[in-house]
Amino acid sequence: MGELGGAFGGNRGLRPVPPEKGIFPLDHLHLCDQEKKEYLSCLKSFGHKSEKCRQFSKKYLECRMEKNLMAKQDLSELGFKESNMETSGGKIAEG
């Protein structure tokens, strides 16, 4: 029975490590709420035509990167190309 305790929280002394991709840490401090609301509002307006909301999706991901809620990476790796985006924002500064 002692071994089962480890499977259900017995490792309380270890800090969990978030996965690199696929799942983002939660925004507990609501640092990107405005961008999230704009994106979700757009999705509600256009339904399955999510390509119309790409600029909001990009803005939300940029906010998450700036606030260290996800790893910084080139937006082209996430499917965004400057030629198909209609935003006034620039590229994320590396560093």
PDB file of N, CA and C in Angstrom:
ATOM      1  N   MET A   1       0.808  -1.203   0.000  1.00  0.00           N
ATOM      2  CA  MET A   1       0.000   0.000   0.000  1.00  0.00           C
ATOM      3  C   MET A   1       0.849   1.264   0.000  1.00  0.00           C
ATOM      4  N   GLY A   2       2.038   1.222   0.604  1.00  0.00           N
ATOM      5  CA  GLY A   2       2.893   2.395   0.681  1.00  0.00           C
ATOM      6  C   GLY A   2       3.281   2.932  -0.681  1.00  0.00           C
ATOM      7  N   GLU A   3       3.395   2.077  -1.694  1.00  0.00           N
ATOM      8  CA  GLU A   3       3.789   2.514  -3.025  1.00  0.00           C
ATOM      9  C   GLU A   3       2.681   3.295  -3.710  1.00  0.00           C
ATOM     10  N   LEU A   4       1.445   3.013  -3.390  1.00  0.00           N
ATOM     11  CA  LEU A   4       0.338   3.743  -4.005  1.00  0.00           C
ATOM     12  C   LEU A   4       0.347   5.215  -3.629  1.00  0.00           C
ATOM     13  N   GLY A   5       0.822   5.552  -2.432  1.00  0.00           N
ATOM     14  CA  GLY A   5       0.857   6.950  -2.004  1.00  0.00           C
ATOM     15  C   GLY A   5       1.688   7.810  -2.941  1.00  0.00           C
ATOM     16  N   GLY A   6       2.763   7.250  -3.507  1.00  0.00           N
ATOM     17  CA  GLY A   6       3.593   7.997  -4.441  1.00  0.00           C
ATOM     18  C   GLY A   6       2.864   8.317  -5.732  1.00  0.00           C
ATOM     19  N   ALA A   7       1.996   7.426  -6.158  1.00  0.00           N
ATOM     20  CA  ALA A   7       1.262   7.637  -7.399  1.00  0.00           C
ATOM     21  C   ALA A   7       0.172   8.703  -7.241  1.00  0.00           C
ATOM     22  N   PHE A   8      -0.238   8.948  -6.018  1.00  0.00           N
ATOM     23  CA  PHE A   8      -1.323   9.899  -5.795  1.00  0.00           C
ATOM     24  C   PHE A   8      -0.878  11.086  -4.953  1.00  0.00           C
ATOM     25  N   GLY A   9       0.234  11.651  -5.304  1.00  0.00           N
ATOM     26  CA  GLY A   9       0.669  12.868  -4.628  1.00  0.00           C
ATOM     27  C   GLY A   9       1.780  12.674  -3.632  1.00  0.00           C
ATOM     28  N   GLY A  10       2.407  11.531  -3.621  1.00  0.00           N
ATOM     29  CA  GLY A  10       3.492  11.287  -2.695  1.00  0.00           C
ATOM     30  C   GLY A  10       4.743  12.093  -3.006  1.00  0.00           C
ATOM     31  N   ASN A  11       4.835  12.680  -4.190  1.00  0.00           N
ATOM     32  CA  ASN A  11       5.999  13.463  -4.603  1.00  0.00           C
ATOM     33  C   ASN A  11       5.779  14.953  -4.336  1.00  0.00           C
ATOM     34  N   ARG A  12       5.240  15.296  -3.227  1.00  0.00           N
ATOM     35  CA  ARG A  12       4.887  16.692  -2.945  1.00  0.00           C
ATOM     36  C   ARG A  12       6.095  17.605  -2.847  1.00  0.00           C
ATOM     37  N   GLY A  13       7.268  17.061  -2.599  1.00  0.00           N
ATOM     38  CA  GLY A  13       8.458  17.884  -2.489  1.00  0.00           C
ATOM     39  C   GLY A  13       9.000  18.320  -3.842  1.00  0.00           C
ATOM     40  N   LEU A  14       8.572  17.694  -4.938  1.00  0.00           N
ATOM     41  CA  LEU A  14       9.064  18.040  -6.272  1.00  0.00           C
ATOM     42  C   LEU A  14       8.146  19.055  -6.929  1.00  0.00           C
ATOM     43  N   ARG A  15       8.759  20.027  -7.577  1.00  0.00           N
ATOM     44  CA  ARG A  15       7.967  21.013  -8.325  1.00  0.00           C
ATOM     45  C   ARG A  15       7.566  20.438  -9.669  1.00  0.00           C
ATOM     46  N   PRO A  16       6.308  20.574 -10.058  1.00  0.00           N
ATOM     47  CA  PRO A  16       5.912  20.085 -11.381  1.00  0.00           C
ATOM     48  C   PRO A  16       6.560  20.929 -12.470  1.00  0.00           C
ATOM     49  N   VAL A  17       6.898  20.302 -13.549  1.00  0.00           N
ATOM     50  CA  VAL A  17       7.505  20.993 -14.684  1.00  0.00           C
ATOM     51  C   VAL A  17       6.484  21.023 -15.815  1.00  0.00           C
ATOM     52  N   PRO A  18       6.128  22.220 -16.317  1.00  0.00           N
ATOM     53  CA  PRO A  18       5.137  22.276 -17.394  1.00  0.00           C
ATOM     54  C   PRO A  18       5.711  21.697 -18.680  1.00  0.00           C
ATOM     55  N   PRO A  19       4.859  21.105 -19.518  1.00  0.00           N
ATOM     56  CA  PRO A  19       5.332  20.575 -20.790  1.00  0.00           C
ATOM     57  C   PRO A  19       5.792  21.702 -21.703  1.00  0.00           C
ATOM     58  N   GLU A  20       6.688  21.379 -22.644  1.00  0.00           N
ATOM     59  CA  GLU A  20       7.216  22.409 -23.535  1.00  0.00           C
ATOM     60  C   GLU A  20       6.163  22.916 -24.498  1.00  0.00           C
ATOM     61  N   LYS A  21       5.352  22.034 -25.037  1.00  0.00           N
ATOM     62  CA  LYS A  21       4.358  22.444 -26.024  1.00  0.00           C
ATOM     63  C   LYS A  21       3.039  21.740 -25.758  1.00  0.00           C
ATOM     64  N   GLY A  22       1.970  22.308 -26.284  1.00  0.00           N
ATOM     65  CA  GLY A  22       0.678  21.653 -26.231  1.00  0.00           C
ATOM     66  C   GLY A  22      -0.219  22.122 -25.103  1.00  0.00           C
ATOM     67  N   ILE A  23       0.336  22.329 -23.920  1.00  0.00           N
ATOM     68  CA  ILE A  23      -0.458  22.776 -22.785  1.00  0.00           C
ATOM     69  C   ILE A  23       0.228  24.000 -22.200  1.00  0.00           C
ATOM     70  N   PHE A  24      -0.522  25.079 -22.048  1.00  0.00           N
ATOM     71  CA  PHE A  24       0.047  26.310 -21.521  1.00  0.00           C
ATOM     72  C   PHE A  24      -0.233  26.425 -20.030  1.00  0.00           C
ATOM     73  N   PRO A  25       0.676  27.048 -19.270  1.00  0.00           N
ATOM     74  CA  PRO A  25       0.352  27.330 -17.869  1.00  0.00           C
ATOM     75  C   PRO A  25      -0.865  28.258 -17.803  1.00  0.00           C
ATOM     76  N   LEU A  26      -1.681  28.078 -16.791  1.00  0.00           N
ATOM     77  CA  LEU A  26      -2.849  28.939 -16.636  1.00  0.00           C
ATOM     78  C   LEU A  26      -2.423  30.360 -16.315  1.00  0.00           C
ATOM     79  N   ASP A  27      -3.193  31.304 -16.768  1.00  0.00           N
ATOM     80  CA  ASP A  27      -2.932  32.725 -16.543  1.00  0.00           C
ATOM     81  C   ASP A  27      -3.628  33.136 -15.243  1.00  0.00           C
ATOM     82  N   HIS A  28      -3.088  32.672 -14.110  1.00  0.00           N
ATOM     83  CA  HIS A  28      -3.721  32.922 -12.810  1.00  0.00           C
ATOM     84  C   HIS A  28      -3.829  34.408 -12.488  1.00  0.00           C
ATOM     85  N   LEU A  29      -2.906  35.211 -12.979  1.00  0.00           N
ATOM     86  CA  LEU A  29      -2.921  36.647 -12.684  1.00  0.00           C
ATOM     87  C   LEU A  29      -3.697  37.444 -13.727  1.00  0.00           C
ATOM     88  N   HIS A  30      -4.288  36.772 -14.691  1.00  0.00           N
ATOM     89  CA  HIS A  30      -5.116  37.411 -15.724  1.00  0.00           C
ATOM     90  C   HIS A  30      -4.335  38.461 -16.514  1.00  0.00           C
ATOM     91  N   LEU A  31      -3.087  38.139 -16.840  1.00  0.00           N
ATOM     92  CA  LEU A  31      -2.224  39.083 -17.540  1.00  0.00           C
ATOM     93  C   LEU A  31      -2.629  39.280 -18.998  1.00  0.00           C
ATOM     94  N   CYS A  32      -3.302  38.299 -19.578  1.00  0.00           N
ATOM     95  CA  CYS A  32      -3.689  38.383 -20.990  1.00  0.00           C
ATOM     96  C   CYS A  32      -5.208  38.270 -21.174  1.00  0.00           C
ATOM     97  N   ASP A  33      -5.962  38.689 -20.166  1.00  0.00           N
ATOM     98  CA  ASP A  33      -7.421  38.583 -20.239  1.00  0.00           C
ATOM     99  C   ASP A  33      -8.020  39.370 -21.398  1.00  0.00           C
ATOM    100  N   GLN A  34      -7.539  40.596 -21.624  1.00  0.00           N
ATOM    101  CA  GLN A  34      -8.120  41.417 -22.683  1.00  0.00           C
ATOM    102  C   GLN A  34      -7.936  40.745 -24.041  1.00  0.00           C
ATOM    103  N   GLU A  35      -6.732  40.241 -24.307  1.00  0.00           N
ATOM    104  CA  GLU A  35      -6.464  39.568 -25.577  1.00  0.00           C
ATOM    105  C   GLU A  35      -7.302  38.299 -25.712  1.00  0.00           C
ATOM    106  N   LYS A  36      -7.461  37.579 -24.609  1.00  0.00           N
ATOM    107  CA  LYS A  36      -8.274  36.358 -24.623  1.00  0.00           C
ATOM    108  C   LYS A  36      -9.731  36.693 -24.933  1.00  0.00           C
ATOM    109  N   LYS A  37     -10.248  37.743 -24.293  1.00  0.00           N
ATOM    110  CA  LYS A  37     -11.645  38.130 -24.507  1.00  0.00           C
ATOM    111  C   LYS A  37     -11.885  38.558 -25.947  1.00  0.00           C
ATOM    112  N   GLU A  38     -10.924  39.311 -26.520  1.00  0.00           N
ATOM    113  CA  GLU A  38     -11.073  39.740 -27.918  1.00  0.00           C
ATOM    114  C   GLU A  38     -11.099  38.537 -28.852  1.00  0.00           C
ATOM    115  N   TYR A  39     -10.208  37.582 -28.603  1.00  0.00           N
ATOM    116  CA  TYR A  39     -10.141  36.388 -29.446  1.00  0.00           C
ATOM    117  C   TYR A  39     -11.418  35.562 -29.331  1.00  0.00           C
ATOM    118  N   LEU A  40     -11.895  35.320 -28.105  1.00  0.00           N
ATOM    119  CA  LEU A  40     -13.109  34.533 -27.911  1.00  0.00           C
ATOM    120  C   LEU A  40     -14.333  35.235 -28.478  1.00  0.00           C
ATOM    121  N   SER A  41     -14.376  36.556 -28.363  1.00  0.00           N
ATOM    122  CA  SER A  41     -15.474  37.321 -28.934  1.00  0.00           C
ATOM    123  C   SER A  41     -15.504  37.175 -30.454  1.00  0.00           C
ATOM    124  N   CYS A  42     -14.325  37.238 -31.057  1.00  0.00           N
ATOM    125  CA  CYS A  42     -14.232  37.065 -32.505  1.00  0.00           C
ATOM    126  C   CYS A  42     -14.704  35.673 -32.909  1.00  0.00           C
ATOM    127  N   LEU A  43     -14.273  34.656 -32.177  1.00  0.00           N
ATOM    128  CA  LEU A  43     -14.695  33.286 -32.491  1.00  0.00           C
ATOM    129  C   LEU A  43     -16.205  33.140 -32.388  1.00  0.00           C
ATOM    130  N   LYS A  44     -16.811  33.794 -31.392  1.00  0.00           N
ATOM    131  CA  LYS A  44     -18.274  33.736 -31.259  1.00  0.00           C
ATOM    132  C   LYS A  44     -18.948  34.384 -32.463  1.00  0.00           C
ATOM    133  N   SER A  45     -18.352  35.466 -32.967  1.00  0.00           N
ATOM    134  CA  SER A  45     -18.937  36.180 -34.096  1.00  0.00           C
ATOM    135  C   SER A  45     -18.844  35.395 -35.401  1.00  0.00           C
ATOM    136  N   PHE A  46     -17.712  34.715 -35.607  1.00  0.00           N
ATOM    137  CA  PHE A  46     -17.480  34.062 -36.888  1.00  0.00           C
ATOM    138  C   PHE A  46     -17.624  32.550 -36.849  1.00  0.00           C
ATOM    139  N   GLY A  47     -17.815  31.981 -35.684  1.00  0.00           N
ATOM    140  CA  GLY A  47     -18.027  30.538 -35.578  1.00  0.00           C
ATOM    141  C   GLY A  47     -16.888  29.733 -36.160  1.00  0.00           C
ATOM    142  N   HIS A  48     -17.220  28.891 -37.129  1.00  0.00           N
ATOM    143  CA  HIS A  48     -16.231  27.974 -37.700  1.00  0.00           C
ATOM    144  C   HIS A  48     -15.239  28.667 -38.633  1.00  0.00           C
ATOM    145  N   LYS A  49     -15.423  29.939 -38.922  1.00  0.00           N
ATOM    146  CA  LYS A  49     -14.503  30.672 -39.803  1.00  0.00           C
ATOM    147  C   LYS A  49     -13.406  31.334 -38.966  1.00  0.00           C
ATOM    148  N   SER A  50     -12.652  30.509 -38.261  1.00  0.00           N
ATOM    149  CA  SER A  50     -11.662  31.032 -37.318  1.00  0.00           C
ATOM    150  C   SER A  50     -10.525  31.783 -37.994  1.00  0.00           C
ATOM    151  N   GLU A  51     -10.333  31.594 -39.300  1.00  0.00           N
ATOM    152  CA  GLU A  51      -9.263  32.337 -39.975  1.00  0.00           C
ATOM    153  C   GLU A  51      -9.488  33.847 -39.902  1.00  0.00           C
ATOM    154  N   LYS A  52     -10.730  34.268 -39.709  1.00  0.00           N
ATOM    155  CA  LYS A  52     -11.027  35.698 -39.584  1.00  0.00           C
ATOM    156  C   LYS A  52     -10.548  36.259 -38.240  1.00  0.00           C
ATOM    157  N   CYS A  53     -10.169  35.376 -37.321  1.00  0.00           N
ATOM    158  CA  CYS A  53      -9.744  35.790 -35.988  1.00  0.00           C
ATOM    159  C   CYS A  53      -8.244  35.620 -35.773  1.00  0.00           C
ATOM    160  N   ARG A  54      -7.509  35.382 -36.840  1.00  0.00           N
ATOM    161  CA  ARG A  54      -6.079  35.109 -36.707  1.00  0.00           C
ATOM    162  C   ARG A  54      -5.320  36.250 -36.050  1.00  0.00           C
ATOM    163  N   GLN A  55      -5.692  37.495 -36.348  1.00  0.00           N
ATOM    164  CA  GLN A  55      -4.968  38.614 -35.741  1.00  0.00           C
ATOM    165  C   GLN A  55      -5.145  38.628 -34.227  1.00  0.00           C
ATOM    166  N   PHE A  56      -6.314  38.191 -33.743  1.00  0.00           N
ATOM    167  CA  PHE A  56      -6.555  38.136 -32.299  1.00  0.00           C
ATOM    168  C   PHE A  56      -5.802  36.969 -31.666  1.00  0.00           C
ATOM    169  N   SER A  57      -5.742  35.864 -32.381  1.00  0.00           N
ATOM    170  CA  SER A  57      -4.989  34.710 -31.910  1.00  0.00           C
ATOM    171  C   SER A  57      -3.509  35.064 -31.795  1.00  0.00           C
ATOM    172  N   LYS A  58      -3.003  35.756 -32.788  1.00  0.00           N
ATOM    173  CA  LYS A  58      -1.594  36.168 -32.778  1.00  0.00           C
ATOM    174  C   LYS A  58      -1.327  37.107 -31.605  1.00  0.00           C
ATOM    175  N   LYS A  59      -2.207  38.070 -31.400  1.00  0.00           N
ATOM    176  CA  LYS A  59      -2.041  39.034 -30.306  1.00  0.00           C
ATOM    177  C   LYS A  59      -2.054  38.324 -28.949  1.00  0.00           C
ATOM    178  N   TYR A  60      -2.924  37.325 -28.805  1.00  0.00           N
ATOM    179  CA  TYR A  60      -3.002  36.568 -27.560  1.00  0.00           C
ATOM    180  C   TYR A  60      -1.712  35.780 -27.318  1.00  0.00           C
ATOM    181  N   LEU A  61      -1.206  35.113 -28.355  1.00  0.00           N
ATOM    182  CA  LEU A  61       0.035  34.357 -28.206  1.00  0.00           C
ATOM    183  C   LEU A  61       1.218  35.278 -27.917  1.00  0.00           C
ATOM    184  N   GLU A  62       1.250  36.441 -28.545  1.00  0.00           N
ATOM    185  CA  GLU A  62       2.313  37.409 -28.263  1.00  0.00           C
ATOM    186  C   GLU A  62       2.277  37.843 -26.806  1.00  0.00           C
ATOM    187  N   CYS A  63       1.090  38.087 -26.278  1.00  0.00           N
ATOM    188  CA  CYS A  63       0.948  38.470 -24.876  1.00  0.00           C
ATOM    189  C   CYS A  63       1.466  37.359 -23.982  1.00  0.00           C
ATOM    190  N   ARG A  64       1.087  36.127 -24.260  1.00  0.00           N
ATOM    191  CA  ARG A  64       1.531  34.999 -23.434  1.00  0.00           C
ATOM    192  C   ARG A  64       3.050  34.876 -23.449  1.00  0.00           C
ATOM    193  N   MET A  65       3.668  35.106 -24.606  1.00  0.00           N
ATOM    194  CA  MET A  65       5.130  35.033 -24.685  1.00  0.00           C
ATOM    195  C   MET A  65       5.772  36.160 -23.892  1.00  0.00           C
ATOM    196  N   GLU A  66       5.219  37.365 -24.015  1.00  0.00           N
ATOM    197  CA  GLU A  66       5.765  38.520 -23.302  1.00  0.00           C
ATOM    198  C   GLU A  66       5.675  38.340 -21.788  1.00  0.00           C
ATOM    199  N   LYS A  67       4.634  37.680 -21.321  1.00  0.00           N
ATOM    200  CA  LYS A  67       4.408  37.493 -19.885  1.00  0.00           C
ATOM    201  C   LYS A  67       4.970  36.169 -19.371  1.00  0.00           C
ATOM    202  N   ASN A  68       5.757  35.488 -20.208  1.00  0.00           N
ATOM    203  CA  ASN A  68       6.382  34.205 -19.847  1.00  0.00           C
ATOM    204  C   ASN A  68       5.358  33.131 -19.484  1.00  0.00           C
ATOM    205  N   LEU A  69       4.225  33.139 -20.157  1.00  0.00           N
ATOM    206  CA  LEU A  69       3.213  32.109 -19.972  1.00  0.00           C
ATOM    207  C   LEU A  69       3.361  31.002 -21.009  1.00  0.00           C
ATOM    208  N   MET A  70       4.283  31.183 -21.925  1.00  0.00           N
ATOM    209  CA  MET A  70       4.646  30.147 -22.884  1.00  0.00           C
ATOM    210  C   MET A  70       6.030  30.477 -23.412  1.00  0.00           C
ATOM    211  N   ALA A  71       6.678  29.481 -23.977  1.00  0.00           N
ATOM    212  CA  ALA A  71       8.027  29.677 -24.493  1.00  0.00           C
ATOM    213  C   ALA A  71       7.996  30.654 -25.667  1.00  0.00           C
ATOM    214  N   LYS A  72       8.986  31.535 -25.721  1.00  0.00           N
ATOM    215  CA  LYS A  72       9.089  32.469 -26.838  1.00  0.00           C
ATOM    216  C   LYS A  72       9.594  31.724 -28.053  1.00  0.00           C
ATOM    217  N   GLN A  73       8.930  31.943 -29.172  1.00  0.00           N
ATOM    218  CA  GLN A  73       9.361  31.361 -30.426  1.00  0.00           C
ATOM    219  C   GLN A  73       8.854  32.210 -31.574  1.00  0.00           C
ATOM    220  N   ASP A  74       9.447  32.006 -32.712  1.00  0.00           N
ATOM    221  CA  ASP A  74       9.070  32.764 -33.899  1.00  0.00           C
ATOM    222  C   ASP A  74       7.628  32.421 -34.257  1.00  0.00           C
ATOM    223  N   LEU A  75       6.832  33.432 -34.523  1.00  0.00           N
ATOM    224  CA  LEU A  75       5.417  33.193 -34.819  1.00  0.00           C
ATOM    225  C   LEU A  75       5.226  32.402 -36.111  1.00  0.00           C
ATOM    226  N   SER A  76       6.206  32.444 -37.009  1.00  0.00           N
ATOM    227  CA  SER A  76       6.085  31.644 -38.230  1.00  0.00           C
ATOM    228  C   SER A  76       6.067  30.150 -37.893  1.00  0.00           C
ATOM    229  N   GLU A  77       6.690  29.772 -36.775  1.00  0.00           N
ATOM    230  CA  GLU A  77       6.666  28.373 -36.339  1.00  0.00           C
ATOM    231  C   GLU A  77       5.287  27.978 -35.819  1.00  0.00           C
ATOM    232  N   LEU A  78       4.469  28.970 -35.508  1.00  0.00           N
ATOM    233  CA  LEU A  78       3.112  28.714 -35.014  1.00  0.00           C
ATOM    234  C   LEU A  78       2.062  28.899 -36.106  1.00  0.00           C
ATOM    235  N   GLY A  79       2.529  29.054 -37.351  1.00  0.00           N
ATOM    236  CA  GLY A  79       1.608  29.161 -38.475  1.00  0.00           C
ATOM    237  C   GLY A  79       1.270  30.577 -38.895  1.00  0.00           C
ATOM    238  N   PHE A  80       1.948  31.568 -38.342  1.00  0.00           N
ATOM    239  CA  PHE A  80       1.688  32.954 -38.706  1.00  0.00           C
ATOM    240  C   PHE A  80       2.773  33.447 -39.645  1.00  0.00           C
ATOM    241  N   LYS A  81       2.344  34.077 -40.733  1.00  0.00           N
ATOM    242  CA  LYS A  81       3.280  34.694 -41.673  1.00  0.00           C
ATOM    243  C   LYS A  81       2.874  36.144 -41.809  1.00  0.00           C
ATOM    244  N   GLU A  82       3.845  37.029 -41.865  1.00  0.00           N
ATOM    245  CA  GLU A  82       3.540  38.459 -41.966  1.00  0.00           C
ATOM    246  C   GLU A  82       2.694  38.770 -43.205  1.00  0.00           C
ATOM    247  N   SER A  83       2.875  38.014 -44.275  1.00  0.00           N
ATOM    248  CA  SER A  83       2.145  38.299 -45.510  1.00  0.00           C
ATOM    249  C   SER A  83       0.643  38.046 -45.387  1.00  0.00           C
ATOM    250  N   ASN A  84       0.244  37.142 -44.471  1.00  0.00           N
ATOM    251  CA  ASN A  84      -1.183  36.864 -44.352  1.00  0.00           C
ATOM    252  C   ASN A  84      -1.804  37.447 -43.083  1.00  0.00           C
ATOM    253  N   MET A  85      -1.068  38.308 -42.398  1.00  0.00           N
ATOM    254  CA  MET A  85      -1.585  38.914 -41.174  1.00  0.00           C
ATOM    255  C   MET A  85      -1.918  40.381 -41.415  1.00  0.00           C
ATOM    256  N   GLU A  86      -3.003  40.824 -40.827  1.00  0.00           N
ATOM    257  CA  GLU A  86      -3.411  42.222 -40.933  1.00  0.00           C
ATOM    258  C   GLU A  86      -3.315  42.866 -39.561  1.00  0.00           C
ATOM    259  N   THR A  87      -2.072  43.001 -39.064  1.00  0.00           N
ATOM    260  CA  THR A  87      -1.896  43.603 -37.751  1.00  0.00           C
ATOM    261  C   THR A  87      -0.885  44.718 -37.842  1.00  0.00           C
ATOM    262  N   SER A  88      -0.903  45.586 -36.864  1.00  0.00           N
ATOM    263  CA  SER A  88       0.084  46.658 -36.809  1.00  0.00           C
ATOM    264  C   SER A  88       1.269  46.247 -35.955  1.00  0.00           C
ATOM    265  N   GLY A  89       1.166  45.098 -35.277  1.00  0.00           N
ATOM    266  CA  GLY A  89       2.245  44.633 -34.404  1.00  0.00           C
ATOM    267  C   GLY A  89       3.424  44.139 -35.206  1.00  0.00           C
ATOM    268  N   GLY A  90       4.591  44.225 -34.592  1.00  0.00           N
ATOM    269  CA  GLY A  90       5.810  43.755 -35.254  1.00  0.00           C
ATOM    270  C   GLY A  90       6.207  42.406 -34.722  1.00  0.00           C
ATOM    271  N   LYS A  91       7.402  42.001 -35.088  1.00  0.00           N
ATOM    272  CA  LYS A  91       7.925  40.732 -34.599  1.00  0.00           C
ATOM    273  C   LYS A  91       8.334  40.875 -33.144  1.00  0.00           C
ATOM    274  N   ILE A  92       8.308  39.770 -32.454  1.00  0.00           N
ATOM    275  CA  ILE A  92       8.676  39.760 -31.043  1.00  0.00           C
ATOM    276  C   ILE A  92      10.193  39.878 -30.945  1.00  0.00           C
ATOM    277  N   ALA A  93      10.635  40.764 -30.094  1.00  0.00           N
ATOM    278  CA  ALA A  93      12.074  40.932 -29.897  1.00  0.00           C
ATOM    279  C   ALA A  93      12.622  39.709 -29.193  1.00  0.00           C
ATOM    280  N   GLU A  94      13.736  39.216 -29.689  1.00  0.00           N
ATOM    281  CA  GLU A  94      14.351  38.051 -29.062  1.00  0.00           C
ATOM    282  C   GLU A  94      15.165  38.489 -27.874  1.00  0.00           C
ATOM    283  N   GLY A  95      15.287  37.604 -26.914  1.00  0.00           N
ATOM    284  CA  GLY A  95      16.124  37.972 -25.777  1.00  0.00           C
ATOM    285  C   GLY A  95      15.698  37.385 -24.556  1.00  0.00           C
TER     286      GLY A  95
END
